Amino acid sequence: MKCYKTKFSVDTQAGKATYVNITEKLRDIIAKSGIQNGLLAMISPHTTCAVFFEEFAHDYTTDGDESLQADLNTVLAKIIPDHTGSDSYIYPGEAHYQAVESWPDAAAYLPGGDRTSLWNGDAHLKATLIGSSQLVDVSDGDLGVGSTGYFYFVDYDKTRARTRTCQVTVFGE
């Protein structure tokens, strides 16, 4: 059995959940792996990001989101409202603020010492609910899915733009 590991970067936006179609990237990874039959595992190592499988919707909102992603945002907002104030969620508490303030790169997380930049409790909960990994069949050197199924990487943290990582492992014959 062969195993091929790699990762790639995903740029996210501030102010909105960022969805990125990673389907073609996964197909390229399978081709580079040389594996014809097996499994592909993808994972986000970030606690506010998720990966999921969904139909490609073809229709877009004025914000550039696919219609199913806009619908997903609407549903998630009903069960996990945006983190808009210190009383929205218990997280982050004083101990977490102090821990982040002690980090060598604290300014990256707290620009200008602004504690509101950590108000992303909703993003953590949404990513937990959707899930940080997917496992998919590899058949005949391609994703073992139908023609309308696509894979997406999403960052629910709207506090700032970032570069995120998606880790991929393909294993099989």
N, C-alpha and C. Protein backbone atom coordinates (compact mmCIF):
# COMPACT_ATOMS: atom_id res chain seq x y z
N MET A 1 0.84 -1.18 0.00
CA MET A 1 0.00 0.00 0.00
C MET A 1 0.88 1.24 0.00
N LYS A 2 0.52 2.21 -0.83
CA LYS A 2 1.23 3.48 -0.90
C LYS A 2 0.50 4.53 -0.06
N CYS A 3 1.28 5.51 0.38
CA CYS A 3 0.72 6.64 1.12
C CYS A 3 1.36 7.92 0.59
N TYR A 4 0.53 8.90 0.27
CA TYR A 4 1.00 10.19 -0.26
C TYR A 4 0.39 11.29 0.60
N LYS A 5 1.26 12.12 1.19
CA LYS A 5 0.80 13.21 2.04
C LYS A 5 1.22 14.55 1.46
N THR A 6 0.32 15.52 1.55
CA THR A 6 0.63 16.87 1.11
C THR A 6 -0.30 17.84 1.83
N LYS A 7 -0.09 19.11 1.57
CA LYS A 7 -0.99 20.14 2.09
C LYS A 7 -0.99 21.30 1.12
N PHE A 8 -2.02 22.12 1.23
CA PHE A 8 -2.10 23.31 0.39
C PHE A 8 -2.72 24.44 1.19
N SER A 9 -2.50 25.65 0.72
CA SER A 9 -2.99 26.85 1.41
C SER A 9 -4.30 27.33 0.82
N VAL A 10 -5.09 27.94 1.70
CA VAL A 10 -6.37 28.53 1.33
C VAL A 10 -6.40 29.92 1.94
N ASP A 11 -6.64 30.94 1.11
CA ASP A 11 -6.76 32.31 1.61
C ASP A 11 -8.21 32.60 1.96
N THR A 12 -8.42 33.19 3.14
CA THR A 12 -9.77 33.51 3.59
C THR A 12 -9.94 35.02 3.73
N GLN A 13 -11.20 35.43 3.81
CA GLN A 13 -11.54 36.85 3.86
C GLN A 13 -12.00 37.24 5.26
N ALA A 14 -11.89 38.52 5.56
CA ALA A 14 -12.45 39.07 6.80
C ALA A 14 -13.91 39.45 6.53
N GLY A 15 -14.72 39.39 7.55
CA GLY A 15 -16.08 39.88 7.47
C GLY A 15 -17.14 38.90 7.02
N LYS A 16 -16.73 37.71 6.56
CA LYS A 16 -17.70 36.71 6.13
C LYS A 16 -17.08 35.32 6.19
N ALA A 17 -17.92 34.32 6.28
CA ALA A 17 -17.43 32.95 6.17
C ALA A 17 -16.90 32.77 4.75
N THR A 18 -15.72 32.17 4.63
CA THR A 18 -15.09 32.00 3.32
C THR A 18 -15.17 30.53 2.91
N TYR A 19 -15.85 30.30 1.79
CA TYR A 19 -15.97 28.96 1.22
C TYR A 19 -15.06 28.86 0.01
N VAL A 20 -14.29 27.76 -0.07
CA VAL A 20 -13.39 27.55 -1.20
C VAL A 20 -13.64 26.15 -1.76
N ASN A 21 -13.95 26.10 -3.05
CA ASN A 21 -14.14 24.82 -3.73
C ASN A 21 -12.75 24.20 -3.92
N ILE A 22 -12.51 23.05 -3.29
CA ILE A 22 -11.20 22.40 -3.36
C ILE A 22 -11.22 21.12 -4.18
N THR A 23 -12.30 20.88 -4.90
CA THR A 23 -12.48 19.63 -5.63
C THR A 23 -11.37 19.38 -6.64
N GLU A 24 -11.07 20.36 -7.48
CA GLU A 24 -10.03 20.17 -8.50
C GLU A 24 -8.65 20.00 -7.86
N LYS A 25 -8.41 20.70 -6.76
CA LYS A 25 -7.14 20.54 -6.05
C LYS A 25 -7.00 19.10 -5.56
N LEU A 26 -8.08 18.52 -5.04
CA LEU A 26 -8.05 17.12 -4.58
C LEU A 26 -7.80 16.17 -5.75
N ARG A 27 -8.41 16.45 -6.89
CA ARG A 27 -8.19 15.61 -8.07
C ARG A 27 -6.72 15.68 -8.51
N ASP A 28 -6.13 16.87 -8.46
CA ASP A 28 -4.71 17.02 -8.80
C ASP A 28 -3.83 16.23 -7.84
N ILE A 29 -4.18 16.25 -6.57
CA ILE A 29 -3.41 15.52 -5.56
C ILE A 29 -3.48 14.02 -5.82
N ILE A 30 -4.66 13.53 -6.16
CA ILE A 30 -4.80 12.10 -6.47
C ILE A 30 -3.91 11.75 -7.67
N ALA A 31 -3.93 12.58 -8.69
CA ALA A 31 -3.10 12.32 -9.88
C ALA A 31 -1.62 12.29 -9.51
N LYS A 32 -1.17 13.23 -8.70
CA LYS A 32 0.24 13.26 -8.28
C LYS A 32 0.61 12.07 -7.41
N SER A 33 -0.36 11.56 -6.68
CA SER A 33 -0.08 10.43 -5.78
C SER A 33 0.19 9.14 -6.54
N GLY A 34 -0.39 9.03 -7.73
CA GLY A 34 -0.26 7.80 -8.50
C GLY A 34 -1.15 6.68 -7.99
N ILE A 35 -1.95 6.95 -7.00
CA ILE A 35 -2.83 5.93 -6.42
C ILE A 35 -4.11 5.84 -7.25
N GLN A 36 -4.46 4.62 -7.64
CA GLN A 36 -5.64 4.39 -8.47
C GLN A 36 -6.88 4.04 -7.64
N ASN A 37 -6.68 3.29 -6.58
CA ASN A 37 -7.80 2.83 -5.77
C ASN A 37 -7.41 2.88 -4.29
N GLY A 38 -8.22 3.53 -3.51
CA GLY A 38 -7.94 3.66 -2.09
C GLY A 38 -8.83 4.69 -1.45
N LEU A 39 -8.24 5.50 -0.59
CA LEU A 39 -8.99 6.53 0.15
C LEU A 39 -8.20 7.83 0.18
N LEU A 40 -8.92 8.93 0.22
CA LEU A 40 -8.34 10.25 0.40
C LEU A 40 -8.93 10.82 1.68
N ALA A 41 -8.05 11.26 2.56
CA ALA A 41 -8.47 11.92 3.80
C ALA A 41 -8.03 13.37 3.74
N MET A 42 -8.95 14.27 4.04
CA MET A 42 -8.61 15.69 4.11
C MET A 42 -8.98 16.20 5.48
N ILE A 43 -8.17 17.12 6.01
CA ILE A 43 -8.42 17.65 7.34
C ILE A 43 -7.97 19.11 7.41
N SER A 44 -8.74 19.86 8.15
CA SER A 44 -8.33 21.22 8.49
C SER A 44 -7.76 21.18 9.89
N PRO A 45 -6.53 21.64 10.08
CA PRO A 45 -5.96 21.67 11.43
C PRO A 45 -6.39 22.91 12.22
N HIS A 46 -7.28 23.72 11.65
CA HIS A 46 -7.71 24.97 12.29
C HIS A 46 -9.06 24.78 12.96
N THR A 47 -9.22 25.31 14.15
CA THR A 47 -10.42 25.06 14.95
C THR A 47 -11.64 25.88 14.53
N THR A 48 -11.48 26.81 13.59
CA THR A 48 -12.64 27.55 13.08
C THR A 48 -12.93 27.19 11.62
N CYS A 49 -12.26 26.16 11.11
CA CYS A 49 -12.43 25.75 9.72
C CYS A 49 -13.02 24.35 9.63
N ALA A 50 -13.68 24.09 8.51
CA ALA A 50 -14.29 22.79 8.28
C ALA A 50 -14.10 22.40 6.83
N VAL A 51 -14.29 21.11 6.55
CA VAL A 51 -14.33 20.61 5.18
C VAL A 51 -15.61 19.79 5.05
N PHE A 52 -16.25 19.90 3.88
CA PHE A 52 -17.50 19.17 3.70
C PHE A 52 -17.75 18.87 2.24
N PHE A 53 -18.72 17.99 1.99
CA PHE A 53 -19.10 17.52 0.67
C PHE A 53 -20.53 17.98 0.42
N GLU A 54 -20.74 18.58 -0.76
CA GLU A 54 -22.07 19.12 -1.07
C GLU A 54 -22.21 19.24 -2.58
N GLU A 55 -23.43 19.37 -3.02
CA GLU A 55 -23.69 19.57 -4.44
C GLU A 55 -23.23 20.96 -4.88
N PHE A 56 -22.66 21.05 -6.06
CA PHE A 56 -22.33 22.35 -6.64
C PHE A 56 -23.65 22.99 -7.06
N ALA A 57 -23.89 24.22 -6.58
CA ALA A 57 -25.22 24.83 -6.73
C ALA A 57 -25.42 25.64 -8.01
N HIS A 58 -24.38 26.09 -8.67
CA HIS A 58 -24.44 26.89 -9.90
C HIS A 58 -24.93 28.32 -9.72
N ASP A 59 -25.74 28.59 -8.72
CA ASP A 59 -26.27 29.94 -8.48
C ASP A 59 -25.48 30.60 -7.37
N TYR A 60 -25.26 31.91 -7.52
CA TYR A 60 -24.45 32.66 -6.57
C TYR A 60 -25.22 33.86 -6.03
N THR A 61 -24.91 34.23 -4.79
CA THR A 61 -25.45 35.45 -4.21
C THR A 61 -24.63 36.64 -4.70
N THR A 62 -25.09 37.84 -4.40
CA THR A 62 -24.33 39.04 -4.78
C THR A 62 -22.99 39.10 -4.04
N ASP A 63 -22.87 38.37 -2.91
CA ASP A 63 -21.61 38.31 -2.17
C ASP A 63 -20.64 37.28 -2.74
N GLY A 64 -21.08 36.53 -3.77
CA GLY A 64 -20.21 35.54 -4.40
C GLY A 64 -20.28 34.15 -3.79
N ASP A 65 -21.22 33.95 -2.87
CA ASP A 65 -21.38 32.61 -2.28
C ASP A 65 -22.35 31.79 -3.10
N GLU A 66 -22.07 30.48 -3.21
CA GLU A 66 -23.02 29.59 -3.85
C GLU A 66 -24.31 29.59 -3.02
N SER A 67 -25.43 29.37 -3.68
CA SER A 67 -26.72 29.45 -2.99
C SER A 67 -26.83 28.45 -1.83
N LEU A 68 -26.31 27.24 -1.99
CA LEU A 68 -26.37 26.28 -0.88
C LEU A 68 -25.51 26.74 0.30
N GLN A 69 -24.41 27.41 0.03
CA GLN A 69 -23.57 27.92 1.11
C GLN A 69 -24.28 29.07 1.83
N ALA A 70 -24.97 29.92 1.07
CA ALA A 70 -25.75 31.00 1.68
C ALA A 70 -26.86 30.40 2.55
N ASP A 71 -27.50 29.35 2.05
CA ASP A 71 -28.54 28.68 2.85
C ASP A 71 -27.94 28.05 4.11
N LEU A 72 -26.76 27.45 3.98
CA LEU A 72 -26.08 26.86 5.14
C LEU A 72 -25.77 27.95 6.16
N ASN A 73 -25.27 29.10 5.70
CA ASN A 73 -25.01 30.21 6.62
C ASN A 73 -26.27 30.63 7.35
N THR A 74 -27.40 30.69 6.64
CA THR A 74 -28.67 31.09 7.26
C THR A 74 -29.09 30.09 8.33
N VAL A 75 -29.00 28.82 8.02
CA VAL A 75 -29.37 27.78 8.98
C VAL A 75 -28.45 27.82 10.19
N LEU A 76 -27.14 27.89 9.95
CA LEU A 76 -26.19 27.93 11.06
C LEU A 76 -26.40 29.15 11.95
N ALA A 77 -26.74 30.30 11.35
CA ALA A 77 -26.97 31.52 12.14
C ALA A 77 -28.18 31.37 13.06
N LYS A 78 -29.14 30.53 12.66
CA LYS A 78 -30.32 30.30 13.50
C LYS A 78 -29.97 29.50 14.74
N ILE A 79 -29.04 28.56 14.60
CA ILE A 79 -28.68 27.73 15.76
C ILE A 79 -27.42 28.21 16.47
N ILE A 80 -26.57 28.94 15.74
CA ILE A 80 -25.32 29.47 16.32
C ILE A 80 -25.19 30.93 15.86
N PRO A 81 -25.80 31.85 16.59
CA PRO A 81 -25.75 33.27 16.17
C PRO A 81 -24.31 33.81 16.19
N ASP A 82 -24.11 34.88 15.42
CA ASP A 82 -22.80 35.53 15.37
C ASP A 82 -22.35 35.98 16.76
N HIS A 83 -21.07 35.96 16.96
CA HIS A 83 -20.45 36.40 18.22
C HIS A 83 -20.26 37.91 18.11
N THR A 84 -21.20 38.66 18.66
CA THR A 84 -21.20 40.11 18.48
C THR A 84 -20.88 40.90 19.75
N GLY A 85 -20.76 40.22 20.86
CA GLY A 85 -20.47 40.93 22.11
C GLY A 85 -19.89 40.00 23.15
N SER A 86 -19.41 40.59 24.23
CA SER A 86 -18.78 39.79 25.27
C SER A 86 -19.78 38.88 25.98
N ASP A 87 -21.06 39.17 25.82
CA ASP A 87 -22.07 38.32 26.45
C ASP A 87 -22.71 37.33 25.47
N SER A 88 -22.23 37.27 24.22
CA SER A 88 -22.77 36.32 23.24
C SER A 88 -22.47 34.88 23.63
N TYR A 89 -21.25 34.64 24.09
CA TYR A 89 -20.79 33.31 24.46
C TYR A 89 -19.92 33.40 25.70
N ILE A 90 -19.75 32.31 26.39
CA ILE A 90 -18.84 32.26 27.54
C ILE A 90 -17.40 32.42 27.06
N TYR A 91 -17.10 31.82 25.90
CA TYR A 91 -15.79 31.91 25.27
C TYR A 91 -15.64 33.24 24.57
N PRO A 92 -14.51 33.89 24.58
CA PRO A 92 -13.34 33.59 25.40
C PRO A 92 -13.48 34.21 26.78
N GLY A 93 -13.00 33.50 27.76
CA GLY A 93 -12.99 34.00 29.13
C GLY A 93 -11.68 34.70 29.44
N GLU A 94 -11.61 35.24 30.64
CA GLU A 94 -10.44 36.02 31.04
C GLU A 94 -9.14 35.21 30.94
N ALA A 95 -9.19 33.94 31.33
CA ALA A 95 -7.97 33.11 31.27
C ALA A 95 -7.50 32.96 29.82
N HIS A 96 -8.44 32.84 28.87
CA HIS A 96 -8.05 32.71 27.47
C HIS A 96 -7.45 34.03 26.95
N TYR A 97 -8.09 35.15 27.28
CA TYR A 97 -7.52 36.45 26.89
C TYR A 97 -6.08 36.57 27.39
N GLN A 98 -5.86 36.23 28.66
CA GLN A 98 -4.52 36.35 29.24
C GLN A 98 -3.53 35.41 28.57
N ALA A 99 -3.98 34.21 28.25
CA ALA A 99 -3.10 33.26 27.57
C ALA A 99 -2.67 33.81 26.21
N VAL A 100 -3.62 34.30 25.43
CA VAL A 100 -3.30 34.84 24.10
C VAL A 100 -2.40 36.07 24.23
N GLU A 101 -2.65 36.91 25.20
CA GLU A 101 -1.82 38.10 25.41
C GLU A 101 -0.38 37.75 25.77
N SER A 102 -0.15 36.54 26.28
CA SER A 102 1.20 36.12 26.64
C SER A 102 1.96 35.47 25.48
N TRP A 103 1.28 35.18 24.38
CA TRP A 103 1.93 34.54 23.24
C TRP A 103 2.94 35.49 22.59
N PRO A 104 4.04 34.94 22.06
CA PRO A 104 5.02 35.79 21.37
C PRO A 104 4.44 36.54 20.18
N ASP A 105 3.44 35.94 19.51
CA ASP A 105 2.81 36.57 18.35
C ASP A 105 1.42 37.10 18.68
N ALA A 106 1.23 37.56 19.91
CA ALA A 106 -0.07 38.04 20.38
C ALA A 106 -0.66 39.12 19.48
N ALA A 107 0.18 39.97 18.92
CA ALA A 107 -0.32 41.06 18.07
C ALA A 107 -1.06 40.54 16.84
N ALA A 108 -0.71 39.35 16.38
CA ALA A 108 -1.41 38.77 15.23
C ALA A 108 -2.85 38.40 15.58
N TYR A 109 -3.08 38.05 16.84
CA TYR A 109 -4.41 37.66 17.30
C TYR A 109 -5.17 38.80 17.94
N LEU A 110 -4.42 39.77 18.46
CA LEU A 110 -5.01 40.92 19.16
C LEU A 110 -4.44 42.22 18.59
N PRO A 111 -4.78 42.55 17.34
CA PRO A 111 -4.22 43.77 16.76
C PRO A 111 -4.53 44.99 17.63
N GLY A 112 -3.49 45.70 18.01
CA GLY A 112 -3.66 46.87 18.87
C GLY A 112 -4.18 46.52 20.25
N GLY A 113 -4.05 45.26 20.65
CA GLY A 113 -4.54 44.83 21.95
C GLY A 113 -6.06 44.69 22.03
N ASP A 114 -6.72 44.70 20.87
CA ASP A 114 -8.18 44.65 20.81
C ASP A 114 -8.72 43.25 21.11
N ARG A 115 -9.30 43.08 22.27
CA ARG A 115 -9.82 41.77 22.68
C ARG A 115 -11.02 41.33 21.84
N THR A 116 -11.71 42.25 21.21
CA THR A 116 -12.87 41.86 20.39
C THR A 116 -12.46 41.02 19.19
N SER A 117 -11.19 41.05 18.85
CA SER A 117 -10.73 40.24 17.72
C SER A 117 -10.75 38.74 18.05
N LEU A 118 -11.00 38.42 19.31
CA LEU A 118 -11.14 37.00 19.70
C LEU A 118 -12.62 36.59 19.80
N TRP A 119 -13.52 37.45 19.41
CA TRP A 119 -14.94 37.11 19.44
C TRP A 119 -15.29 36.25 18.24
N ASN A 120 -14.87 35.01 18.30
CA ASN A 120 -15.14 34.05 17.22
C ASN A 120 -15.68 32.73 17.77
N GLY A 121 -16.35 32.80 18.91
CA GLY A 121 -16.94 31.59 19.49
C GLY A 121 -17.89 30.91 18.53
N ASP A 122 -18.65 31.70 17.77
CA ASP A 122 -19.57 31.12 16.79
C ASP A 122 -18.82 30.32 15.73
N ALA A 123 -17.66 30.82 15.31
CA ALA A 123 -16.87 30.12 14.28
C ALA A 123 -16.39 28.76 14.79
N HIS A 124 -15.96 28.71 16.04
CA HIS A 124 -15.52 27.44 16.62
C HIS A 124 -16.68 26.44 16.66
N LEU A 125 -17.85 26.90 17.08
CA LEU A 125 -19.01 26.00 17.19
C LEU A 125 -19.48 25.53 15.81
N LYS A 126 -19.51 26.43 14.83
CA LYS A 126 -19.93 26.05 13.47
C LYS A 126 -18.97 25.02 12.87
N ALA A 127 -17.68 25.24 13.04
CA ALA A 127 -16.69 24.30 12.51
C ALA A 127 -16.81 22.94 13.20
N THR A 128 -17.07 22.97 14.50
CA THR A 128 -17.26 21.71 15.23
C THR A 128 -18.47 20.96 14.70
N LEU A 129 -19.55 21.68 14.44
CA LEU A 129 -20.77 21.06 13.96
C LEU A 129 -20.59 20.47 12.55
N ILE A 130 -19.95 21.20 11.65
CA ILE A 130 -19.76 20.73 10.28
C ILE A 130 -18.69 19.65 10.21
N GLY A 131 -17.62 19.80 10.94
CA GLY A 131 -16.57 18.79 10.98
C GLY A 131 -15.31 19.22 10.25
N SER A 132 -14.18 18.80 10.79
CA SER A 132 -12.89 19.25 10.26
C SER A 132 -12.24 18.25 9.31
N SER A 133 -12.92 17.15 8.99
CA SER A 133 -12.30 16.17 8.10
C SER A 133 -13.35 15.46 7.25
N GLN A 134 -12.86 14.89 6.16
CA GLN A 134 -13.66 14.08 5.25
C GLN A 134 -12.81 12.92 4.77
N LEU A 135 -13.44 11.80 4.55
CA LEU A 135 -12.79 10.62 3.99
C LEU A 135 -13.59 10.23 2.76
N VAL A 136 -12.91 10.08 1.62
CA VAL A 136 -13.61 9.80 0.37
C VAL A 136 -12.91 8.68 -0.40
N ASP A 137 -13.70 7.93 -1.11
CA ASP A 137 -13.21 6.85 -1.95
C ASP A 137 -12.41 7.39 -3.13
N VAL A 138 -11.33 6.70 -3.46
CA VAL A 138 -10.58 6.95 -4.68
C VAL A 138 -10.77 5.72 -5.56
N SER A 139 -11.33 5.92 -6.73
CA SER A 139 -11.57 4.83 -7.68
C SER A 139 -11.05 5.22 -9.06
N ASP A 140 -10.28 4.33 -9.64
CA ASP A 140 -9.74 4.56 -10.99
C ASP A 140 -9.02 5.90 -11.10
N GLY A 141 -8.26 6.27 -10.06
CA GLY A 141 -7.46 7.48 -10.08
C GLY A 141 -8.23 8.77 -9.98
N ASP A 142 -9.45 8.72 -9.45
CA ASP A 142 -10.28 9.92 -9.32
C ASP A 142 -11.12 9.82 -8.04
N LEU A 143 -11.70 10.94 -7.68
CA LEU A 143 -12.62 10.95 -6.54
C LEU A 143 -13.79 10.03 -6.84
N GLY A 144 -14.12 9.17 -5.91
CA GLY A 144 -15.22 8.23 -6.09
C GLY A 144 -16.55 8.84 -5.71
N VAL A 145 -16.91 9.93 -6.40
CA VAL A 145 -18.16 10.64 -6.12
C VAL A 145 -18.90 10.89 -7.43
N GLY A 146 -20.16 11.27 -7.31
CA GLY A 146 -20.95 11.59 -8.50
C GLY A 146 -20.52 12.89 -9.14
N SER A 147 -21.14 13.23 -10.25
CA SER A 147 -20.73 14.40 -11.03
C SER A 147 -21.14 15.72 -10.39
N THR A 148 -22.09 15.73 -9.47
CA THR A 148 -22.53 17.00 -8.88
C THR A 148 -21.96 17.25 -7.49
N GLY A 149 -21.23 16.29 -6.94
CA GLY A 149 -20.67 16.45 -5.60
C GLY A 149 -19.32 17.14 -5.63
N TYR A 150 -19.17 18.15 -4.79
CA TYR A 150 -17.94 18.93 -4.70
C TYR A 150 -17.50 19.00 -3.24
N PHE A 151 -16.19 19.24 -3.05
CA PHE A 151 -15.64 19.39 -1.70
C PHE A 151 -15.29 20.86 -1.46
N TYR A 152 -15.56 21.29 -0.24
CA TYR A 152 -15.34 22.69 0.12
C TYR A 152 -14.56 22.78 1.42
N PHE A 153 -13.70 23.78 1.47
CA PHE A 153 -13.01 24.18 2.69
C PHE A 153 -13.66 25.49 3.11
N VAL A 154 -14.02 25.61 4.37
CA VAL A 154 -14.67 26.84 4.84
C VAL A 154 -14.00 27.32 6.12
N ASP A 155 -13.80 28.62 6.21
CA ASP A 155 -13.34 29.26 7.44
C ASP A 155 -14.50 30.11 7.95
N TYR A 156 -15.03 29.75 9.10
CA TYR A 156 -16.16 30.48 9.69
C TYR A 156 -15.71 31.68 10.52
N ASP A 157 -14.41 31.84 10.71
CA ASP A 157 -13.90 32.97 11.50
C ASP A 157 -13.87 34.21 10.61
N LYS A 158 -14.71 35.17 10.96
CA LYS A 158 -14.85 36.39 10.16
C LYS A 158 -14.01 37.55 10.69
N THR A 159 -13.22 37.31 11.74
CA THR A 159 -12.52 38.41 12.42
C THR A 159 -11.39 39.01 11.59
N ARG A 160 -10.76 38.21 10.72
CA ARG A 160 -9.67 38.74 9.91
C ARG A 160 -9.34 37.76 8.77
N ALA A 161 -8.72 38.29 7.74
CA ALA A 161 -8.27 37.46 6.62
C ALA A 161 -7.05 36.67 7.06
N ARG A 162 -6.92 35.46 6.54
CA ARG A 162 -5.79 34.62 6.90
C ARG A 162 -5.46 33.66 5.77
N THR A 163 -4.31 33.04 5.90
CA THR A 163 -3.95 31.92 5.04
C THR A 163 -4.08 30.67 5.89
N ARG A 164 -4.90 29.76 5.44
CA ARG A 164 -5.18 28.51 6.16
C ARG A 164 -4.56 27.34 5.40
N THR A 165 -4.53 26.19 6.04
CA THR A 165 -3.94 24.99 5.46
C THR A 165 -4.95 23.86 5.45
N CYS A 166 -4.95 23.10 4.36
CA CYS A 166 -5.72 21.86 4.28
C CYS A 166 -4.71 20.73 4.08
N GLN A 167 -4.76 19.75 4.95
CA GLN A 167 -3.85 18.60 4.88
C GLN A 167 -4.56 17.45 4.19
N VAL A 168 -3.86 16.75 3.29
CA VAL A 168 -4.46 15.66 2.51
C VAL A 168 -3.54 14.46 2.54
N THR A 169 -4.13 13.28 2.75
CA THR A 169 -3.42 12.02 2.67
C THR A 169 -4.19 11.09 1.73
N VAL A 170 -3.49 10.55 0.76
CA VAL A 170 -4.09 9.56 -0.14
C VAL A 170 -3.36 8.25 0.10
N PHE A 171 -4.12 7.18 0.32
CA PHE A 171 -3.47 5.90 0.54
C PHE A 171 -4.25 4.81 -0.20
N GLY A 172 -3.51 3.83 -0.71
CA GLY A 172 -4.10 2.75 -1.47
C GLY A 172 -3.10 2.15 -2.43
N GLU A 173 -3.63 1.57 -3.48
CA GLU A 173 -2.84 0.87 -4.50
C GLU A 173 -2.82 1.64 -5.80
